[in-house]
Amino acid sequence: QVQLVESGGGSVQAGGSLRLSCAASGYFYGRYSMAWFRQAPGKEREGVASIDPTGSTAYAGSVKGRFTIAKDNAKNTLHLQMNSLKPEDTAMYYCAAVYAVNTATPLMRNEYKYWGRGTQVTVSS
């Protein structure tokens, strides 16, 4: 009975920052991979950033250098720091997780079993 709950979304001006959080429950010993995905109207859900149990991260090319993913194992909380936001970052952002040693394709949607309901991020110019 895993639950993921996102928070931190909102509306910001281009160039601004937001910090998203995802509170997770039902996992054991921090042995899971987690990720952030996003989906804009008319587009497929895409992987944004991921972090595995060893702390290894992966980022989509469109956000690399601007976004940072981090996991607080003590609190089972995932964060996504988003800086230098652009209008094209506007989307519903989802937290995802899977209990696994590793994932071969960490930014693919079908790697993840558990999903949050999402939090909206809107960036205006």
N, C-alpha and C. Protein backbone atom coordinates (compact mmCIF):
# COMPACT_ATOMS: atom_id res chain seq x y z
N GLN A 1 0.84 -1.18 0.00
CA GLN A 1 0.00 0.00 0.00
C GLN A 1 0.88 1.23 0.00
N VAL A 2 1.52 1.47 -1.13
CA VAL A 2 2.42 2.61 -1.29
C VAL A 2 1.63 3.84 -1.70
N GLN A 3 1.97 4.94 -1.09
CA GLN A 3 1.35 6.22 -1.45
C GLN A 3 2.44 7.25 -1.72
N LEU A 4 2.21 8.05 -2.75
CA LEU A 4 3.09 9.15 -3.09
C LEU A 4 2.26 10.41 -3.16
N VAL A 5 2.70 11.45 -2.47
CA VAL A 5 1.95 12.70 -2.42
C VAL A 5 2.88 13.85 -2.76
N GLU A 6 2.59 14.53 -3.88
CA GLU A 6 3.40 15.65 -4.32
C GLU A 6 2.91 16.96 -3.72
N SER A 7 3.83 17.92 -3.64
CA SER A 7 3.49 19.26 -3.21
C SER A 7 4.52 20.23 -3.79
N GLY A 8 4.22 21.51 -3.74
CA GLY A 8 5.17 22.52 -4.16
C GLY A 8 4.92 23.14 -5.52
N GLY A 9 3.94 22.64 -6.26
CA GLY A 9 3.64 23.22 -7.55
C GLY A 9 3.03 24.60 -7.42
N GLY A 10 2.96 25.31 -8.54
CA GLY A 10 2.39 26.65 -8.52
C GLY A 10 2.68 27.37 -9.81
N SER A 11 2.42 28.67 -9.81
CA SER A 11 2.65 29.52 -10.97
C SER A 11 3.81 30.47 -10.69
N VAL A 12 4.74 30.54 -11.64
CA VAL A 12 5.90 31.41 -11.50
C VAL A 12 6.21 32.08 -12.83
N GLN A 13 6.99 33.15 -12.76
CA GLN A 13 7.47 33.83 -13.96
C GLN A 13 8.66 33.09 -14.54
N ALA A 14 8.85 33.21 -15.83
CA ALA A 14 10.03 32.62 -16.47
C ALA A 14 11.29 33.12 -15.78
N GLY A 15 12.22 32.20 -15.57
CA GLY A 15 13.44 32.53 -14.86
C GLY A 15 13.37 32.28 -13.37
N GLY A 16 12.18 32.01 -12.87
CA GLY A 16 11.99 31.76 -11.46
C GLY A 16 12.29 30.33 -11.07
N SER A 17 12.03 30.02 -9.80
CA SER A 17 12.33 28.70 -9.26
C SER A 17 11.16 28.13 -8.48
N LEU A 18 11.10 26.81 -8.44
CA LEU A 18 10.15 26.09 -7.62
C LEU A 18 10.84 24.85 -7.06
N ARG A 19 10.39 24.41 -5.91
CA ARG A 19 10.90 23.19 -5.31
C ARG A 19 9.73 22.25 -5.07
N LEU A 20 9.72 21.14 -5.77
CA LEU A 20 8.68 20.14 -5.61
C LEU A 20 9.11 19.10 -4.59
N SER A 21 8.14 18.58 -3.86
CA SER A 21 8.41 17.53 -2.89
C SER A 21 7.44 16.38 -3.10
N CYS A 22 7.89 15.18 -2.76
CA CYS A 22 7.07 13.98 -2.86
C CYS A 22 7.29 13.15 -1.61
N ALA A 23 6.25 13.00 -0.82
CA ALA A 23 6.32 12.19 0.38
C ALA A 23 5.89 10.77 0.04
N ALA A 24 6.74 9.80 0.37
CA ALA A 24 6.49 8.40 0.04
C ALA A 24 6.32 7.56 1.30
N SER A 25 5.44 6.59 1.22
CA SER A 25 5.23 5.65 2.31
C SER A 25 5.13 4.24 1.75
N GLY A 26 5.47 3.25 2.59
CA GLY A 26 5.34 1.86 2.18
C GLY A 26 6.59 1.22 1.59
N TYR A 27 7.71 1.93 1.61
CA TYR A 27 8.95 1.40 1.09
C TYR A 27 9.85 0.91 2.23
N PHE A 28 10.84 0.06 1.89
CA PHE A 28 11.70 -0.54 2.88
C PHE A 28 13.17 -0.18 2.67
N TYR A 29 13.79 0.31 3.69
CA TYR A 29 15.23 0.55 3.74
C TYR A 29 15.76 1.46 2.64
N GLY A 30 14.89 2.24 2.06
CA GLY A 30 15.32 3.14 1.01
C GLY A 30 15.78 2.44 -0.26
N ARG A 31 15.44 1.17 -0.40
CA ARG A 31 15.89 0.39 -1.55
C ARG A 31 14.91 0.53 -2.71
N TYR A 32 14.83 1.71 -3.23
CA TYR A 32 13.92 1.96 -4.33
C TYR A 32 14.47 3.08 -5.21
N SER A 33 14.02 3.08 -6.42
CA SER A 33 14.32 4.16 -7.35
C SER A 33 13.12 5.09 -7.43
N MET A 34 13.39 6.36 -7.60
CA MET A 34 12.32 7.34 -7.69
C MET A 34 12.60 8.30 -8.83
N ALA A 35 11.53 8.91 -9.32
CA ALA A 35 11.68 9.79 -10.47
C ALA A 35 10.58 10.83 -10.52
N TRP A 36 10.83 11.86 -11.29
CA TRP A 36 9.83 12.86 -11.62
C TRP A 36 9.52 12.78 -13.11
N PHE A 37 8.25 12.77 -13.42
CA PHE A 37 7.77 12.82 -14.79
C PHE A 37 6.90 14.05 -14.95
N ARG A 38 6.68 14.45 -16.18
CA ARG A 38 5.78 15.57 -16.43
C ARG A 38 4.99 15.33 -17.70
N GLN A 39 3.81 15.93 -17.75
CA GLN A 39 2.96 15.78 -18.91
C GLN A 39 2.21 17.08 -19.18
N ALA A 40 2.40 17.60 -20.38
CA ALA A 40 1.69 18.79 -20.83
C ALA A 40 0.53 18.35 -21.71
N PRO A 41 -0.50 19.18 -21.84
CA PRO A 41 -1.64 18.82 -22.69
C PRO A 41 -1.22 18.46 -24.10
N GLY A 42 -1.72 17.33 -24.60
CA GLY A 42 -1.40 16.90 -25.95
C GLY A 42 -0.07 16.21 -26.11
N LYS A 43 0.66 16.03 -25.05
CA LYS A 43 1.97 15.39 -25.11
C LYS A 43 2.02 14.15 -24.22
N GLU A 44 2.96 13.26 -24.53
CA GLU A 44 3.15 12.07 -23.71
C GLU A 44 3.85 12.43 -22.41
N ARG A 45 3.64 11.61 -21.41
CA ARG A 45 4.33 11.80 -20.15
C ARG A 45 5.81 11.48 -20.35
N GLU A 46 6.67 12.40 -19.93
CA GLU A 46 8.09 12.23 -20.14
C GLU A 46 8.86 12.23 -18.83
N GLY A 47 9.93 11.47 -18.80
CA GLY A 47 10.79 11.44 -17.64
C GLY A 47 11.61 12.71 -17.55
N VAL A 48 11.69 13.27 -16.36
CA VAL A 48 12.42 14.50 -16.13
C VAL A 48 13.73 14.24 -15.40
N ALA A 49 13.66 13.50 -14.30
CA ALA A 49 14.83 13.21 -13.51
C ALA A 49 14.58 11.97 -12.67
N SER A 50 15.63 11.23 -12.36
CA SER A 50 15.49 10.03 -11.55
C SER A 50 16.68 9.89 -10.62
N ILE A 51 16.49 9.09 -9.57
CA ILE A 51 17.57 8.78 -8.65
C ILE A 51 17.39 7.34 -8.17
N ASP A 52 18.49 6.57 -8.19
CA ASP A 52 18.41 5.16 -7.81
C ASP A 52 18.88 4.98 -6.37
N PRO A 53 18.82 3.73 -5.84
CA PRO A 53 19.19 3.53 -4.43
C PRO A 53 20.63 3.90 -4.08
N THR A 54 21.52 3.93 -5.07
CA THR A 54 22.90 4.31 -4.81
C THR A 54 23.12 5.81 -4.87
N GLY A 55 22.10 6.55 -5.28
CA GLY A 55 22.22 7.99 -5.41
C GLY A 55 22.55 8.44 -6.81
N SER A 56 22.69 7.51 -7.74
CA SER A 56 22.97 7.86 -9.12
C SER A 56 21.75 8.53 -9.75
N THR A 57 21.97 9.61 -10.49
CA THR A 57 20.87 10.38 -11.07
C THR A 57 20.91 10.37 -12.59
N ALA A 58 19.76 10.66 -13.17
CA ALA A 58 19.64 10.82 -14.61
C ALA A 58 18.69 11.97 -14.87
N TYR A 59 18.96 12.73 -15.93
CA TYR A 59 18.15 13.88 -16.27
C TYR A 59 17.82 13.90 -17.75
N ALA A 60 16.66 14.42 -18.06
CA ALA A 60 16.33 14.69 -19.44
C ALA A 60 17.21 15.83 -19.92
N GLY A 61 17.59 15.78 -21.19
CA GLY A 61 18.47 16.81 -21.73
C GLY A 61 17.90 18.22 -21.61
N SER A 62 16.58 18.33 -21.66
CA SER A 62 15.93 19.64 -21.63
C SER A 62 16.00 20.32 -20.26
N VAL A 63 16.30 19.56 -19.22
CA VAL A 63 16.34 20.13 -17.87
C VAL A 63 17.71 20.05 -17.22
N LYS A 64 18.63 19.33 -17.83
CA LYS A 64 19.95 19.15 -17.24
C LYS A 64 20.63 20.50 -17.04
N GLY A 65 21.15 20.70 -15.84
CA GLY A 65 21.79 21.95 -15.50
C GLY A 65 20.85 22.94 -14.84
N ARG A 66 19.54 22.71 -14.96
CA ARG A 66 18.54 23.59 -14.35
C ARG A 66 17.81 22.93 -13.20
N PHE A 67 17.56 21.63 -13.31
CA PHE A 67 16.83 20.88 -12.29
C PHE A 67 17.78 19.98 -11.52
N THR A 68 17.47 19.76 -10.26
CA THR A 68 18.24 18.86 -9.42
C THR A 68 17.31 17.97 -8.63
N ILE A 69 17.52 16.65 -8.72
CA ILE A 69 16.71 15.71 -7.96
C ILE A 69 17.50 15.26 -6.73
N ALA A 70 16.81 15.08 -5.63
CA ALA A 70 17.45 14.63 -4.40
C ALA A 70 16.46 13.83 -3.58
N LYS A 71 16.97 12.86 -2.84
CA LYS A 71 16.14 12.01 -2.00
C LYS A 71 16.60 12.10 -0.55
N ASP A 72 15.67 12.34 0.33
CA ASP A 72 15.93 12.34 1.76
C ASP A 72 15.48 10.98 2.28
N ASN A 73 16.43 10.05 2.44
CA ASN A 73 16.09 8.68 2.83
C ASN A 73 15.47 8.60 4.23
N ALA A 74 15.93 9.46 5.13
CA ALA A 74 15.42 9.43 6.49
C ALA A 74 13.93 9.77 6.54
N LYS A 75 13.49 10.61 5.63
CA LYS A 75 12.10 11.04 5.60
C LYS A 75 11.29 10.42 4.46
N ASN A 76 11.95 9.58 3.65
CA ASN A 76 11.31 9.01 2.47
C ASN A 76 10.63 10.10 1.63
N THR A 77 11.39 11.14 1.38
CA THR A 77 10.88 12.28 0.64
C THR A 77 11.79 12.57 -0.55
N LEU A 78 11.18 12.79 -1.69
CA LEU A 78 11.88 13.13 -2.91
C LEU A 78 11.68 14.60 -3.21
N HIS A 79 12.72 15.26 -3.71
CA HIS A 79 12.63 16.67 -4.05
C HIS A 79 13.09 16.91 -5.48
N LEU A 80 12.54 17.94 -6.08
CA LEU A 80 13.00 18.40 -7.38
C LEU A 80 13.14 19.91 -7.31
N GLN A 81 14.38 20.38 -7.30
CA GLN A 81 14.64 21.80 -7.34
C GLN A 81 14.69 22.24 -8.79
N MET A 82 13.83 23.17 -9.15
CA MET A 82 13.73 23.63 -10.53
C MET A 82 14.11 25.10 -10.58
N ASN A 83 15.19 25.39 -11.29
CA ASN A 83 15.67 26.76 -11.44
C ASN A 83 15.60 27.18 -12.90
N SER A 84 15.69 28.48 -13.13
CA SER A 84 15.67 29.02 -14.49
C SER A 84 14.51 28.45 -15.30
N LEU A 85 13.35 28.48 -14.71
CA LEU A 85 12.18 27.88 -15.35
C LEU A 85 11.80 28.59 -16.65
N LYS A 86 11.34 27.79 -17.59
CA LYS A 86 10.92 28.27 -18.90
C LYS A 86 9.45 27.95 -19.13
N PRO A 87 8.77 28.70 -19.99
CA PRO A 87 7.37 28.39 -20.28
C PRO A 87 7.16 26.94 -20.73
N GLU A 88 8.11 26.36 -21.43
CA GLU A 88 7.99 24.99 -21.89
C GLU A 88 8.09 23.96 -20.76
N ASP A 89 8.42 24.40 -19.56
CA ASP A 89 8.40 23.53 -18.40
C ASP A 89 7.00 23.36 -17.82
N THR A 90 6.06 24.13 -18.32
CA THR A 90 4.69 24.06 -17.84
C THR A 90 4.12 22.67 -18.09
N ALA A 91 3.64 22.03 -17.03
CA ALA A 91 3.12 20.67 -17.13
C ALA A 91 2.61 20.22 -15.77
N MET A 92 1.92 19.09 -15.77
CA MET A 92 1.62 18.41 -14.53
C MET A 92 2.82 17.53 -14.20
N TYR A 93 3.34 17.69 -13.01
CA TYR A 93 4.51 16.92 -12.59
C TYR A 93 4.10 15.79 -11.65
N TYR A 94 4.60 14.59 -11.95
CA TYR A 94 4.26 13.39 -11.19
C TYR A 94 5.48 12.77 -10.55
N CYS A 95 5.30 12.31 -9.35
CA CYS A 95 6.31 11.54 -8.64
C CYS A 95 6.06 10.07 -8.90
N ALA A 96 7.13 9.30 -9.11
CA ALA A 96 7.01 7.86 -9.36
C ALA A 96 8.08 7.10 -8.59
N ALA A 97 7.79 5.83 -8.26
CA ALA A 97 8.72 5.02 -7.51
C ALA A 97 8.58 3.55 -7.85
N VAL A 98 9.66 2.80 -7.65
CA VAL A 98 9.63 1.35 -7.81
C VAL A 98 10.65 0.75 -6.84
N TYR A 99 10.26 -0.35 -6.21
CA TYR A 99 11.17 -1.06 -5.31
C TYR A 99 12.06 -1.95 -6.16
N ALA A 100 13.33 -1.59 -6.27
CA ALA A 100 14.25 -2.31 -7.14
C ALA A 100 15.69 -1.97 -6.80
N VAL A 101 16.59 -2.86 -7.19
CA VAL A 101 18.02 -2.62 -7.00
C VAL A 101 18.50 -1.55 -7.98
N ASN A 102 18.04 -1.67 -9.21
CA ASN A 102 18.41 -0.72 -10.23
C ASN A 102 17.41 -0.79 -11.38
N THR A 103 17.48 0.19 -12.25
CA THR A 103 16.66 0.20 -13.46
C THR A 103 17.56 0.50 -14.65
N ALA A 104 17.33 -0.22 -15.73
CA ALA A 104 18.16 -0.04 -16.92
C ALA A 104 17.80 1.24 -17.67
N THR A 105 16.54 1.61 -17.62
CA THR A 105 16.05 2.80 -18.32
C THR A 105 15.27 3.66 -17.33
N PRO A 106 15.96 4.44 -16.53
CA PRO A 106 15.34 5.13 -15.39
C PRO A 106 14.36 6.25 -15.74
N LEU A 107 14.33 6.70 -16.98
CA LEU A 107 13.40 7.75 -17.37
C LEU A 107 12.25 7.24 -18.23
N MET A 108 12.06 5.93 -18.23
CA MET A 108 10.94 5.35 -18.96
C MET A 108 9.77 5.12 -18.01
N ARG A 109 8.58 5.51 -18.45
CA ARG A 109 7.40 5.44 -17.62
C ARG A 109 7.09 4.04 -17.11
N ASN A 110 7.29 3.02 -17.96
CA ASN A 110 6.91 1.67 -17.57
C ASN A 110 7.85 1.01 -16.57
N GLU A 111 8.89 1.70 -16.16
CA GLU A 111 9.78 1.19 -15.12
C GLU A 111 9.17 1.34 -13.73
N TYR A 112 8.18 2.20 -13.60
CA TYR A 112 7.68 2.57 -12.27
C TYR A 112 6.31 2.00 -11.98
N LYS A 113 6.16 1.57 -10.75
CA LYS A 113 4.92 0.93 -10.31
C LYS A 113 3.99 1.87 -9.56
N TYR A 114 4.56 2.78 -8.80
CA TYR A 114 3.77 3.65 -7.94
C TYR A 114 3.82 5.08 -8.43
N TRP A 115 2.67 5.74 -8.38
CA TRP A 115 2.56 7.10 -8.90
C TRP A 115 1.74 8.00 -7.98
N GLY A 116 2.14 9.25 -7.92
CA GLY A 116 1.35 10.24 -7.22
C GLY A 116 0.29 10.82 -8.13
N ARG A 117 -0.53 11.69 -7.59
CA ARG A 117 -1.61 12.30 -8.36
C ARG A 117 -1.15 13.47 -9.21
N GLY A 118 0.00 14.03 -8.91
CA GLY A 118 0.56 15.12 -9.68
C GLY A 118 0.38 16.48 -9.02
N THR A 119 1.23 17.41 -9.43
CA THR A 119 1.14 18.79 -8.99
C THR A 119 1.42 19.69 -10.19
N GLN A 120 0.61 20.70 -10.37
CA GLN A 120 0.70 21.54 -11.56
C GLN A 120 1.78 22.60 -11.42
N VAL A 121 2.59 22.74 -12.48
CA VAL A 121 3.59 23.80 -12.57
C VAL A 121 3.28 24.63 -13.80
N THR A 122 3.12 25.92 -13.60
CA THR A 122 2.83 26.83 -14.71
C THR A 122 3.86 27.95 -14.72
N VAL A 123 4.52 28.12 -15.87
CA VAL A 123 5.56 29.13 -16.01
C VAL A 123 5.12 30.13 -17.08
N SER A 124 5.00 31.38 -16.70
CA SER A 124 4.56 32.41 -17.62
C SER A 124 5.74 33.27 -18.07
N SER A 125 5.64 33.81 -19.27
CA SER A 125 6.69 34.66 -19.81
C SER A 125 6.41 36.12 -19.55
